[in-house]
């Protein structure tokens, strides 16, 4: 008689399951970075900007990536008027993280605003490009030509208005030489389209959705600002964060430009406070760096986020959690 083979019983099934679980655990341990700990949980709030600006778009894309990397963390986005407003919200405790330009951070610190000494950086992000937008048939060829015109200068509390005042000064003008319209990028394009302003300044990554949309509806162009860089730097330490830059001809395909536009650029920083949890800050910094390529598809300037430059967060020191992340990935 042929002996019957024993049928696998419950004990063998349990043993097989235990072995599989052990193998899976070892595999997960091998795949995870050696410093990975429990995933941060809870809720954070991030101040971005006006709805049609790049801060808001970047914040929305980053929120999606944080949702994948840190599923136990709830992220709320909050609108703002821009960099200076963002810093006030952060230091007042209204938000946990924000984005601000390096020049706005320096001004906030130099003016000894409340909580300025507690500001810490997670990463240097993409650069903002200063953009002076006019109708295509406008006679304006430089900032100096704005004298006597109605000009959108950015909302109060915005980094746009801060830079605009400095550009006007570099051009030998001030706000009394123009009719300043103190509104943000959510309103300036519409005012230009209606003929209620003659030009507007904007500081943002490339491309900016509001400028793109306006270019589809109205023939517009970008005015060069490169002739001001020397005078701007001669103004002193407050302008040390501005650099000469060029906007490529295809930055806004809607404008059908054929030449680059000389302008100035300033770095954006991801900012938090010194007492923000280090594990949380480390995890968020990791996602910021890892999300560069995906976000860069939608915001071309974000392709510049890079490990080699992310740690250069002057005028702010790195947060301890962010520093821990950068140290952990050094070869």
C-alpha atoms as a PDB file:
ATOM      1  CA  UNK A   1       0.000   0.000   0.000  1.00  0.00           C
ATOM      2  CA  UNK A   2       1.325   3.374  -0.900  1.00  0.00           C
ATOM      3  CA  UNK A   3       1.831   5.383   2.276  1.00  0.00           C
ATOM      4  CA  UNK A   4      -0.280   8.510   2.490  1.00  0.00           C
ATOM      5  CA  UNK A   5       1.575  11.778   2.755  1.00  0.00           C
ATOM      6  CA  UNK A   6       0.638  13.789   5.790  1.00  0.00           C
ATOM      7  CA  UNK A   7      -1.678  16.712   5.016  1.00  0.00           C
ATOM      8  CA  UNK A   8      -0.371  20.102   6.057  1.00  0.00           C
ATOM      9  CA  UNK A   9      -1.933  20.999   9.319  1.00  0.00           C
ATOM     10  CA  UNK A  10      -2.627  24.184  11.163  1.00  0.00           C
ATOM     11  CA  UNK A  11       0.767  24.092  12.876  1.00  0.00           C
ATOM     12  CA  UNK A  12       2.624  24.067   9.562  1.00  0.00           C
ATOM     13  CA  UNK A  13       0.395  26.847   8.210  1.00  0.00           C
ATOM     14  CA  UNK A  14       1.128  28.974  11.259  1.00  0.00           C
ATOM     15  CA  UNK A  15       4.857  28.215  10.990  1.00  0.00           C
ATOM     16  CA  UNK A  16       4.864  29.113   7.286  1.00  0.00           C
ATOM     17  CA  UNK A  17       3.013  32.358   8.032  1.00  0.00           C
ATOM     18  CA  UNK A  18       5.487  33.239  10.740  1.00  0.00           C
ATOM     19  CA  UNK A  19       8.426  32.668   8.400  1.00  0.00           C
ATOM     20  CA  UNK A  20       6.782  34.843   5.735  1.00  0.00           C
ATOM     21  CA  UNK A  21       6.158  37.597   8.267  1.00  0.00           C
ATOM     22  CA  UNK A  22       9.770  37.463   9.384  1.00  0.00           C
ATOM     23  CA  UNK A  23      11.028  37.660   5.813  1.00  0.00           C
ATOM     24  CA  UNK A  24       8.707  40.620   5.137  1.00  0.00           C
ATOM     25  CA  UNK A  25       9.895  42.398   8.270  1.00  0.00           C
ATOM     26  CA  UNK A  26      13.527  41.894   7.295  1.00  0.00           C
ATOM     27  CA  UNK A  27      12.800  43.139   3.793  1.00  0.00           C
ATOM     28  CA  UNK A  28      11.105  46.284   5.126  1.00  0.00           C
ATOM     29  CA  UNK A  29      14.013  46.880   7.517  1.00  0.00           C
ATOM     30  CA  UNK A  30      16.445  46.595   4.609  1.00  0.00           C
ATOM     31  CA  UNK A  31      14.458  48.929   2.353  1.00  0.00           C
ATOM     32  CA  UNK A  32      13.853  51.639   4.923  1.00  0.00           C
ATOM     33  CA  UNK A  33      16.589  54.180   5.635  1.00  0.00           C
ATOM     34  CA  UNK A  34      18.474  53.340   8.830  1.00  0.00           C
ATOM     35  CA  UNK A  35      17.288  56.485  10.604  1.00  0.00           C
ATOM     36  CA  UNK A  36      13.594  56.036   9.774  1.00  0.00           C
ATOM     37  CA  UNK A  37      11.410  56.197  12.842  1.00  0.00           C
ATOM     38  CA  UNK A  38       7.676  56.363  13.467  1.00  0.00           C
ATOM     39  CA  UNK A  39       5.858  58.447  10.875  1.00  0.00           C
ATOM     40  CA  UNK A  40       4.842  61.882  12.231  1.00  0.00           C
ATOM     41  CA  UNK A  41       1.151  62.238  12.944  1.00  0.00           C
ATOM     42  CA  UNK A  42      -1.216  65.020  13.917  1.00  0.00           C
ATOM     43  CA  UNK A  43      -2.017  68.234  12.100  1.00  0.00           C
ATOM     44  CA  UNK A  44       0.071  71.073  10.702  1.00  0.00           C
ATOM     45  CA  UNK A  45      -0.834  74.311   8.931  1.00  0.00           C
ATOM     46  CA  UNK A  46       1.207  75.821   6.112  1.00  0.00           C
ATOM     47  CA  UNK A  47       0.830  79.452   4.976  1.00  0.00           C
ATOM     48  CA  UNK A  48       1.237  79.827   1.208  1.00  0.00           C
ATOM     49  CA  UNK A  49      -0.028  82.863  -0.721  1.00  0.00           C
ATOM     50  CA  UNK A  50      -2.812  84.209  -2.926  1.00  0.00           C
ATOM     51  CA  UNK A  51      -4.832  81.576  -4.828  1.00  0.00           C
ATOM     52  CA  UNK A  52      -3.381  82.263  -8.293  1.00  0.00           C
ATOM     53  CA  UNK A  53       0.232  82.621  -7.160  1.00  0.00           C
ATOM     54  CA  UNK A  54       3.055  80.083  -7.243  1.00  0.00           C
ATOM     55  CA  UNK A  55       3.233  79.755  -3.436  1.00  0.00           C
ATOM     56  CA  UNK A  56      -0.322  78.407  -3.421  1.00  0.00           C
ATOM     57  CA  UNK A  57       0.379  76.039  -6.321  1.00  0.00           C
ATOM     58  CA  UNK A  58       3.608  74.772  -4.753  1.00  0.00           C
ATOM     59  CA  UNK A  59       1.865  74.296  -1.406  1.00  0.00           C
ATOM     60  CA  UNK A  60      -0.933  72.255  -2.983  1.00  0.00           C
ATOM     61  CA  UNK A  61       1.531  69.973  -4.791  1.00  0.00           C
ATOM     62  CA  UNK A  62       3.678  69.554  -1.683  1.00  0.00           C
ATOM     63  CA  UNK A  63       0.572  68.673   0.326  1.00  0.00           C
ATOM     64  CA  UNK A  64      -0.128  65.804  -2.084  1.00  0.00           C
ATOM     65  CA  UNK A  65       3.394  64.421  -1.630  1.00  0.00           C
ATOM     66  CA  UNK A  66       3.237  64.786   2.145  1.00  0.00           C
ATOM     67  CA  UNK A  67      -0.011  62.828   2.049  1.00  0.00           C
ATOM     68  CA  UNK A  68       1.827  59.937   0.390  1.00  0.00           C
ATOM     69  CA  UNK A  69       4.975  60.068   2.516  1.00  0.00           C
ATOM     70  CA  UNK A  70       3.335  60.906   5.852  1.00  0.00           C
ATOM     71  CA  UNK A  71      -0.203  59.487   5.701  1.00  0.00           C
ATOM     72  CA  UNK A  72      -0.819  60.018   9.426  1.00  0.00           C
ATOM     73  CA  UNK A  73      -0.123  63.742   9.105  1.00  0.00           C
ATOM     74  CA  UNK A  74      -2.981  66.096   8.223  1.00  0.00           C
ATOM     75  CA  UNK A  75      -1.863  69.186   6.303  1.00  0.00           C
ATOM     76  CA  UNK A  76      -3.951  72.355   6.079  1.00  0.00           C
ATOM     77  CA  UNK A  77      -3.015  75.138   3.648  1.00  0.00           C
ATOM     78  CA  UNK A  78      -3.733  78.742   4.519  1.00  0.00           C
ATOM     79  CA  UNK A  79      -3.839  81.682   2.119  1.00  0.00           C
ATOM     80  CA  UNK A  80      -1.830  84.842   2.729  1.00  0.00           C
ATOM     81  CA  UNK A  81      -0.730  88.086   1.116  1.00  0.00           C
ATOM     82  CA  UNK A  82       2.839  86.844   0.672  1.00  0.00           C
ATOM     83  CA  UNK A  83       6.212  86.589   2.378  1.00  0.00           C
ATOM     84  CA  UNK A  84       5.962  89.210   5.120  1.00  0.00           C
ATOM     85  CA  UNK A  85       2.416  88.174   5.972  1.00  0.00           C
ATOM     86  CA  UNK A  86       3.587  84.536   6.047  1.00  0.00           C
ATOM     87  CA  UNK A  87       6.315  85.344   8.566  1.00  0.00           C
ATOM     88  CA  UNK A  88       3.853  87.194  10.792  1.00  0.00           C
ATOM     89  CA  UNK A  89       1.471  84.227  10.712  1.00  0.00           C
ATOM     90  CA  UNK A  90       4.323  81.865  11.553  1.00  0.00           C
ATOM     91  CA  UNK A  91       5.740  83.830  14.481  1.00  0.00           C
ATOM     92  CA  UNK A  92       2.269  84.483  15.888  1.00  0.00           C
ATOM     93  CA  UNK A  93       1.635  80.734  16.087  1.00  0.00           C
ATOM     94  CA  UNK A  94      -1.125  80.716  13.460  1.00  0.00           C
ATOM     95  CA  UNK A  95       0.800  78.326  11.195  1.00  0.00           C
ATOM     96  CA  UNK A  96       3.627  75.800  11.577  1.00  0.00           C
ATOM     97  CA  UNK A  97       5.494  76.161   8.274  1.00  0.00           C
ATOM     98  CA  UNK A  98       5.592  78.737   5.502  1.00  0.00           C
ATOM     99  CA  UNK A  99       7.430  79.955   2.407  1.00  0.00           C
ATOM    100  CA  UNK A 100       9.167  83.322   2.267  1.00  0.00           C
ATOM    101  CA  UNK A 101      11.766  85.051   0.125  1.00  0.00           C
ATOM    102  CA  UNK A 102      15.243  85.488   1.580  1.00  0.00           C
ATOM    103  CA  UNK A 103      15.067  89.291   1.334  1.00  0.00           C
ATOM    104  CA  UNK A 104      11.755  89.358   3.225  1.00  0.00           C
ATOM    105  CA  UNK A 105      13.227  87.151   5.959  1.00  0.00           C
ATOM    106  CA  UNK A 106      16.269  89.436   6.232  1.00  0.00           C
ATOM    107  CA  UNK A 107      14.051  92.529   6.453  1.00  0.00           C
ATOM    108  CA  UNK A 108      11.870  90.870   9.093  1.00  0.00           C
ATOM    109  CA  UNK A 109      14.948  90.080  11.172  1.00  0.00           C
ATOM    110  CA  UNK A 110      16.658  93.429  10.650  1.00  0.00           C
ATOM    111  CA  UNK A 111      13.501  95.238  11.763  1.00  0.00           C
ATOM    112  CA  UNK A 112      13.434  93.045  14.891  1.00  0.00           C
ATOM    113  CA  UNK A 113       9.864  91.935  14.321  1.00  0.00           C
ATOM    114  CA  UNK A 114       8.254  89.758  17.035  1.00  0.00           C
ATOM    115  CA  UNK A 115       9.626  86.203  16.979  1.00  0.00           C
ATOM    116  CA  UNK A 116      12.254  86.982  14.329  1.00  0.00           C
ATOM    117  CA  UNK A 117      15.018  85.329  16.359  1.00  0.00           C
ATOM    118  CA  UNK A 118      13.068  82.048  16.416  1.00  0.00           C
ATOM    119  CA  UNK A 119      12.914  81.637  12.624  1.00  0.00           C
ATOM    120  CA  UNK A 120      14.657  78.575  11.210  1.00  0.00           C
ATOM    121  CA  UNK A 121      14.960  77.218   7.654  1.00  0.00           C
ATOM    122  CA  UNK A 122      14.236  73.730   6.337  1.00  0.00           C
ATOM    123  CA  UNK A 123      15.479  74.248   2.779  1.00  0.00           C
ATOM    124  CA  UNK A 124      16.253  76.709   0.064  1.00  0.00           C
ATOM    125  CA  UNK A 125      13.592  76.144  -2.584  1.00  0.00           C
ATOM    126  CA  UNK A 126      13.223  77.636  -6.060  1.00  0.00           C
ATOM    127  CA  UNK A 127      13.944  81.252  -7.056  1.00  0.00           C
ATOM    128  CA  UNK A 128      11.341  83.950  -7.570  1.00  0.00           C
ATOM    129  CA  UNK A 129      11.741  86.042 -10.718  1.00  0.00           C
ATOM    130  CA  UNK A 130      10.696  89.674 -10.678  1.00  0.00           C
ATOM    131  CA  UNK A 131       8.262  90.331 -13.504  1.00  0.00           C
ATOM    132  CA  UNK A 132       7.030  93.680 -14.817  1.00  0.00           C
ATOM    133  CA  UNK A 133       3.973  93.051 -16.976  1.00  0.00           C
ATOM    134  CA  UNK A 134       2.496  95.527 -19.476  1.00  0.00           C
ATOM    135  CA  UNK A 135       0.248  95.421 -22.520  1.00  0.00           C
ATOM    136  CA  UNK A 136       2.155  94.467 -25.649  1.00  0.00           C
ATOM    137  CA  UNK A 137       1.605  97.911 -27.206  1.00  0.00           C
ATOM    138  CA  UNK A 138       2.766  99.775 -24.073  1.00  0.00           C
ATOM    139  CA  UNK A 139       5.575 102.332 -24.425  1.00  0.00           C
ATOM    140  CA  UNK A 140       7.161 101.149 -21.144  1.00  0.00           C
ATOM    141  CA  UNK A 141      10.649  99.743 -21.761  1.00  0.00           C
ATOM    142  CA  UNK A 142      12.104 100.072 -18.252  1.00  0.00           C
ATOM    143  CA  UNK A 143      11.061 100.824 -14.686  1.00  0.00           C
ATOM    144  CA  UNK A 144      11.985 104.481 -15.239  1.00  0.00           C
ATOM    145  CA  UNK A 145       9.174 104.745 -17.801  1.00  0.00           C
ATOM    146  CA  UNK A 146       6.550 104.075 -15.110  1.00  0.00           C
ATOM    147  CA  UNK A 147       6.579 107.652 -13.851  1.00  0.00           C
ATOM    148  CA  UNK A 148       3.045 109.044 -13.785  1.00  0.00           C
ATOM    149  CA  UNK A 149       1.431 105.652 -14.535  1.00  0.00           C
ATOM    150  CA  UNK A 150      -0.968 103.457 -12.545  1.00  0.00           C
ATOM    151  CA  UNK A 151       1.062 100.490 -11.337  1.00  0.00           C
ATOM    152  CA  UNK A 152       0.150  97.364  -9.390  1.00  0.00           C
ATOM    153  CA  UNK A 153       2.792  97.113  -6.668  1.00  0.00           C
ATOM    154  CA  UNK A 154       1.594  94.062  -4.718  1.00  0.00           C
ATOM    155  CA  UNK A 155      -0.580  93.768  -1.640  1.00  0.00           C
ATOM    156  CA  UNK A 156       0.454  95.191   1.705  1.00  0.00           C
ATOM    157  CA  UNK A 157       2.468  92.544   3.540  1.00  0.00           C
ATOM    158  CA  UNK A 158       3.710  90.950   0.332  1.00  0.00           C
ATOM    159  CA  UNK A 159       7.271  90.329  -0.761  1.00  0.00           C
ATOM    160  CA  UNK A 160       6.280  91.797  -4.147  1.00  0.00           C
ATOM    161  CA  UNK A 161       5.694  95.227  -2.644  1.00  0.00           C
ATOM    162  CA  UNK A 162       8.972  95.033  -0.721  1.00  0.00           C
ATOM    163  CA  UNK A 163      10.983  94.373  -3.899  1.00  0.00           C
ATOM    164  CA  UNK A 164       8.941  96.827  -5.961  1.00  0.00           C
ATOM    165  CA  UNK A 165       9.814  99.715  -3.638  1.00  0.00           C
ATOM    166  CA  UNK A 166      13.500  98.853  -3.961  1.00  0.00           C
ATOM    167  CA  UNK A 167      13.310  98.597  -7.747  1.00  0.00           C
ATOM    168  CA  UNK A 168      11.629 101.978  -7.946  1.00  0.00           C
ATOM    169  CA  UNK A 169      14.335 103.466  -5.724  1.00  0.00           C
ATOM    170  CA  UNK A 170      17.037 101.926  -7.925  1.00  0.00           C
ATOM    171  CA  UNK A 171      15.322 103.586 -10.898  1.00  0.00           C
ATOM    172  CA  UNK A 172      15.318 106.983  -9.164  1.00  0.00           C
ATOM    173  CA  UNK A 173      11.598 106.832  -8.360  1.00  0.00           C
ATOM    174  CA  UNK A 174       9.388 106.112  -5.377  1.00  0.00           C
ATOM    175  CA  UNK A 175       5.706 105.421  -4.793  1.00  0.00           C
ATOM    176  CA  UNK A 176       4.863 109.138  -5.041  1.00  0.00           C
ATOM    177  CA  UNK A 177       6.052 109.159  -8.668  1.00  0.00           C
ATOM    178  CA  UNK A 178       3.421 106.614  -9.694  1.00  0.00           C
ATOM    179  CA  UNK A 179      -0.158 105.848  -8.753  1.00  0.00           C
ATOM    180  CA  UNK A 180       0.407 102.706  -6.671  1.00  0.00           C
ATOM    181  CA  UNK A 181      -2.338 100.092  -6.686  1.00  0.00           C
ATOM    182  CA  UNK A 182      -1.781  97.867  -3.665  1.00  0.00           C
ATOM    183  CA  UNK A 183      -3.314  94.557  -4.718  1.00  0.00           C
ATOM    184  CA  UNK A 184      -1.994  91.053  -5.320  1.00  0.00           C
ATOM    185  CA  UNK A 185      -1.615  88.779  -8.314  1.00  0.00           C
ATOM    186  CA  UNK A 186      -5.195  87.603  -7.819  1.00  0.00           C
ATOM    187  CA  UNK A 187      -6.445  91.050  -8.947  1.00  0.00           C
ATOM    188  CA  UNK A 188      -3.675  92.766 -10.938  1.00  0.00           C
ATOM    189  CA  UNK A 189      -4.158  90.843 -14.219  1.00  0.00           C
ATOM    190  CA  UNK A 190      -7.851  91.699 -14.291  1.00  0.00           C
ATOM    191  CA  UNK A 191      -7.135  95.371 -13.663  1.00  0.00           C
ATOM    192  CA  UNK A 192      -4.612  95.467 -16.522  1.00  0.00           C
ATOM    193  CA  UNK A 193      -7.101  93.750 -18.817  1.00  0.00           C
ATOM    194  CA  UNK A 194      -9.788  96.327 -17.960  1.00  0.00           C
ATOM    195  CA  UNK A 195      -7.390  99.218 -18.490  1.00  0.00           C
ATOM    196  CA  UNK A 196      -7.555 100.282 -14.846  1.00  0.00           C
ATOM    197  CA  UNK A 197      -3.779  99.954 -14.398  1.00  0.00           C
ATOM    198  CA  UNK A 198      -0.948 100.418 -16.901  1.00  0.00           C
ATOM    199  CA  UNK A 199       1.506  97.850 -15.515  1.00  0.00           C
ATOM    200  CA  UNK A 200       2.084  95.563 -12.579  1.00  0.00           C
ATOM    201  CA  UNK A 201       4.989  94.022 -10.736  1.00  0.00           C
ATOM    202  CA  UNK A 202       5.009  90.391  -9.716  1.00  0.00           C
ATOM    203  CA  UNK A 203       7.604  88.240  -7.963  1.00  0.00           C
ATOM    204  CA  UNK A 204       7.110  84.516  -8.427  1.00  0.00           C
ATOM    205  CA  UNK A 205       8.326  81.257  -9.860  1.00  0.00           C
ATOM    206  CA  UNK A 206       8.068  80.508 -13.559  1.00  0.00           C
ATOM    207  CA  UNK A 207       5.487  80.118 -14.828  1.00  0.00           C
ATOM    208  CA  UNK A 208       2.870  81.940 -12.735  1.00  0.00           C
ATOM    209  CA  UNK A 209      -0.652  80.735 -13.511  1.00  0.00           C
ATOM    210  CA  UNK A 210      -2.221  84.204 -13.339  1.00  0.00           C
ATOM    211  CA  UNK A 211       0.240  85.616 -15.881  1.00  0.00           C
ATOM    212  CA  UNK A 212      -0.257  82.581 -18.127  1.00  0.00           C
ATOM    213  CA  UNK A 213      -4.024  83.027 -18.066  1.00  0.00           C
ATOM    214  CA  UNK A 214      -3.762  86.745 -18.783  1.00  0.00           C
ATOM    215  CA  UNK A 215      -1.465  86.028 -21.743  1.00  0.00           C
ATOM    216  CA  UNK A 216      -4.132  83.809 -23.296  1.00  0.00           C
ATOM    217  CA  UNK A 217      -6.707  86.604 -23.094  1.00  0.00           C
ATOM    218  CA  UNK A 218      -4.645  89.721 -23.748  1.00  0.00           C
ATOM    219  CA  UNK A 219      -1.468  90.535 -25.724  1.00  0.00           C
ATOM    220  CA  UNK A 220       1.097  91.311 -23.005  1.00  0.00           C
ATOM    221  CA  UNK A 221       4.871  91.319 -22.587  1.00  0.00           C
ATOM    222  CA  UNK A 222       7.499  91.333 -19.841  1.00  0.00           C
ATOM    223  CA  UNK A 223       9.683  94.420 -19.373  1.00  0.00           C
ATOM    224  CA  UNK A 224      13.384  93.931 -18.685  1.00  0.00           C
ATOM    225  CA  UNK A 225      14.671  94.860 -15.208  1.00  0.00           C
ATOM    226  CA  UNK A 226      18.308  93.956 -15.793  1.00  0.00           C
ATOM    227  CA  UNK A 227      19.377  97.595 -16.103  1.00  0.00           C
ATOM    228  CA  UNK A 228      18.694  98.072 -12.382  1.00  0.00           C
ATOM    229  CA  UNK A 229      20.921  95.363 -10.904  1.00  0.00           C
ATOM    230  CA  UNK A 230      23.942  97.637 -10.430  1.00  0.00           C
ATOM    231  CA  UNK A 231      21.947 100.413  -8.758  1.00  0.00           C
ATOM    232  CA  UNK A 232      20.089  97.844  -6.699  1.00  0.00           C
ATOM    233  CA  UNK A 233      23.272  96.325  -5.278  1.00  0.00           C
ATOM    234  CA  UNK A 234      24.680  99.800  -4.612  1.00  0.00           C
ATOM    235  CA  UNK A 235      21.805 100.448  -2.191  1.00  0.00           C
ATOM    236  CA  UNK A 236      23.537  98.379   0.494  1.00  0.00           C
ATOM    237  CA  UNK A 237      23.142  95.200   2.527  1.00  0.00           C
ATOM    238  CA  UNK A 238      19.360  95.118   2.176  1.00  0.00           C
ATOM    239  CA  UNK A 239      19.702  94.155  -1.490  1.00  0.00           C
ATOM    240  CA  UNK A 240      22.406  91.480  -1.141  1.00  0.00           C
ATOM    241  CA  UNK A 241      19.888  88.690  -1.747  1.00  0.00           C
ATOM    242  CA  UNK A 242      19.053  89.779  -5.300  1.00  0.00           C
ATOM    243  CA  UNK A 243      20.928  88.377  -8.274  1.00  0.00           C
ATOM    244  CA  UNK A 244      20.894  89.031 -11.990  1.00  0.00           C
ATOM    245  CA  UNK A 245      18.782  86.466 -13.837  1.00  0.00           C
ATOM    246  CA  UNK A 246      17.204  85.777 -17.201  1.00  0.00           C
ATOM    247  CA  UNK A 247      13.706  84.590 -17.964  1.00  0.00           C
ATOM    248  CA  UNK A 248      13.837  82.256 -20.978  1.00  0.00           C
ATOM    249  CA  UNK A 249      11.830  83.174 -24.033  1.00  0.00           C
ATOM    250  CA  UNK A 250       9.606  80.125 -23.529  1.00  0.00           C
ATOM    251  CA  UNK A 251       8.877  80.858 -19.860  1.00  0.00           C
ATOM    252  CA  UNK A 252       5.400  81.885 -21.028  1.00  0.00           C
ATOM    253  CA  UNK A 253       4.627  80.302 -24.407  1.00  0.00           C
ATOM    254  CA  UNK A 254       1.392  82.322 -24.472  1.00  0.00           C
ATOM    255  CA  UNK A 255       3.410  85.535 -24.937  1.00  0.00           C
ATOM    256  CA  UNK A 256       5.227  84.242 -28.039  1.00  0.00           C
ATOM    257  CA  UNK A 257       8.421  85.971 -26.925  1.00  0.00           C
ATOM    258  CA  UNK A 258      11.529  85.481 -29.040  1.00  0.00           C
ATOM    259  CA  UNK A 259      14.218  86.728 -26.641  1.00  0.00           C
ATOM    260  CA  UNK A 260      15.211  86.198 -23.025  1.00  0.00           C
ATOM    261  CA  UNK A 261      14.219  88.927 -20.550  1.00  0.00           C
ATOM    262  CA  UNK A 262      16.843  90.216 -18.129  1.00  0.00           C
ATOM    263  CA  UNK A 263      15.538  90.534 -14.590  1.00  0.00           C
ATOM    264  CA  UNK A 264      16.436  89.869 -10.949  1.00  0.00           C
ATOM    265  CA  UNK A 265      15.783  86.783  -8.847  1.00  0.00           C
ATOM    266  CA  UNK A 266      15.631  85.987  -5.143  1.00  0.00           C
ATOM    267  CA  UNK A 267      15.579  82.623  -3.354  1.00  0.00           C
ATOM    268  CA  UNK A 268      12.575  81.214  -1.521  1.00  0.00           C
ATOM    269  CA  UNK A 269      12.993  79.424   1.806  1.00  0.00           C
ATOM    270  CA  UNK A 270      10.815  76.878   3.578  1.00  0.00           C
ATOM    271  CA  UNK A 271      10.620  78.300   7.108  1.00  0.00           C
ATOM    272  CA  UNK A 272       9.516  77.103  10.534  1.00  0.00           C
ATOM    273  CA  UNK A 273      10.302  77.950  14.178  1.00  0.00           C
ATOM    274  CA  UNK A 274      13.131  76.725  16.380  1.00  0.00           C
ATOM    275  CA  UNK A 275      10.831  74.682  18.652  1.00  0.00           C
ATOM    276  CA  UNK A 276       9.091  72.738  15.866  1.00  0.00           C
ATOM    277  CA  UNK A 277       9.472  69.000  16.462  1.00  0.00           C
ATOM    278  CA  UNK A 278      12.772  67.796  14.963  1.00  0.00           C
ATOM    279  CA  UNK A 279      11.366  64.463  13.696  1.00  0.00           C
ATOM    280  CA  UNK A 280       8.535  66.291  11.942  1.00  0.00           C
ATOM    281  CA  UNK A 281      10.892  68.833  10.398  1.00  0.00           C
ATOM    282  CA  UNK A 282      13.259  66.109   9.225  1.00  0.00           C
ATOM    283  CA  UNK A 283      10.421  64.199   7.552  1.00  0.00           C
ATOM    284  CA  UNK A 284       9.000  67.272   5.824  1.00  0.00           C
ATOM    285  CA  UNK A 285      12.445  68.303   4.585  1.00  0.00           C
ATOM    286  CA  UNK A 286      12.930  64.801   3.163  1.00  0.00           C
ATOM    287  CA  UNK A 287       9.655  65.058   1.216  1.00  0.00           C
ATOM    288  CA  UNK A 288      10.534  68.526  -0.079  1.00  0.00           C
ATOM    289  CA  UNK A 289      13.754  67.204  -1.612  1.00  0.00           C
ATOM    290  CA  UNK A 290      12.216  63.983  -2.932  1.00  0.00           C
ATOM    291  CA  UNK A 291       9.250  65.785  -4.532  1.00  0.00           C
ATOM    292  CA  UNK A 292      11.391  68.038  -6.724  1.00  0.00           C
ATOM    293  CA  UNK A 293      10.898  66.169  -9.983  1.00  0.00           C
ATOM    294  CA  UNK A 294       7.136  65.728  -9.671  1.00  0.00           C
ATOM    295  CA  UNK A 295       6.502  69.320  -8.622  1.00  0.00           C
ATOM    296  CA  UNK A 296       8.993  70.542 -11.210  1.00  0.00           C
ATOM    297  CA  UNK A 297       6.755  69.237 -13.997  1.00  0.00           C
ATOM    298  CA  UNK A 298       4.085  71.758 -12.952  1.00  0.00           C
ATOM    299  CA  UNK A 299       6.367  74.512 -11.600  1.00  0.00           C
ATOM    300  CA  UNK A 300       9.490  74.677 -13.732  1.00  0.00           C
ATOM    301  CA  UNK A 301      11.394  76.792 -11.203  1.00  0.00           C
ATOM    302  CA  UNK A 302      10.996  74.001  -8.638  1.00  0.00           C
ATOM    303  CA  UNK A 303      13.361  71.859 -10.710  1.00  0.00           C
ATOM    304  CA  UNK A 304      16.105  73.951  -9.102  1.00  0.00           C
ATOM    305  CA  UNK A 305      15.454  72.424  -5.662  1.00  0.00           C
ATOM    306  CA  UNK A 306      18.641  70.472  -5.111  1.00  0.00           C
ATOM    307  CA  UNK A 307      20.620  68.933  -2.268  1.00  0.00           C
ATOM    308  CA  UNK A 308      23.659  70.953  -3.278  1.00  0.00           C
ATOM    309  CA  UNK A 309      21.834  74.251  -2.791  1.00  0.00           C
ATOM    310  CA  UNK A 310      19.069  73.387  -0.308  1.00  0.00           C
ATOM    311  CA  UNK A 311      21.359  73.908   2.698  1.00  0.00           C
ATOM    312  CA  UNK A 312      22.264  77.485   1.703  1.00  0.00           C
ATOM    313  CA  UNK A 313      19.479  79.187   3.630  1.00  0.00           C
ATOM    314  CA  UNK A 314      21.093  82.547   4.399  1.00  0.00           C
ATOM    315  CA  UNK A 315      19.977  84.607   6.340  1.00  0.00           C
ATOM    316  CA  UNK A 316      18.497  81.790   8.459  1.00  0.00           C
ATOM    317  CA  UNK A 317      20.230  78.884  10.202  1.00  0.00           C
ATOM    318  CA  UNK A 318      18.934  75.402   9.481  1.00  0.00           C
ATOM    319  CA  UNK A 319      16.456  73.838  11.863  1.00  0.00           C
ATOM    320  CA  UNK A 320      18.009  70.951  13.823  1.00  0.00           C
ATOM    321  CA  UNK A 321      15.655  68.451  12.184  1.00  0.00           C
ATOM    322  CA  UNK A 322      16.497  69.661   8.680  1.00  0.00           C
ATOM    323  CA  UNK A 323      20.213  69.545   9.458  1.00  0.00           C
ATOM    324  CA  UNK A 324      19.798  65.982  10.703  1.00  0.00           C
ATOM    325  CA  UNK A 325      18.264  64.998   7.370  1.00  0.00           C
ATOM    326  CA  UNK A 326      21.063  66.539   5.307  1.00  0.00           C
ATOM    327  CA  UNK A 327      23.732  64.906   7.465  1.00  0.00           C
ATOM    328  CA  UNK A 328      22.015  61.507   7.166  1.00  0.00           C
ATOM    329  CA  UNK A 329      22.192  61.470   3.371  1.00  0.00           C
ATOM    330  CA  UNK A 330      25.776  62.659   2.976  1.00  0.00           C
ATOM    331  CA  UNK A 331      27.875  59.982   1.209  1.00  0.00           C
END
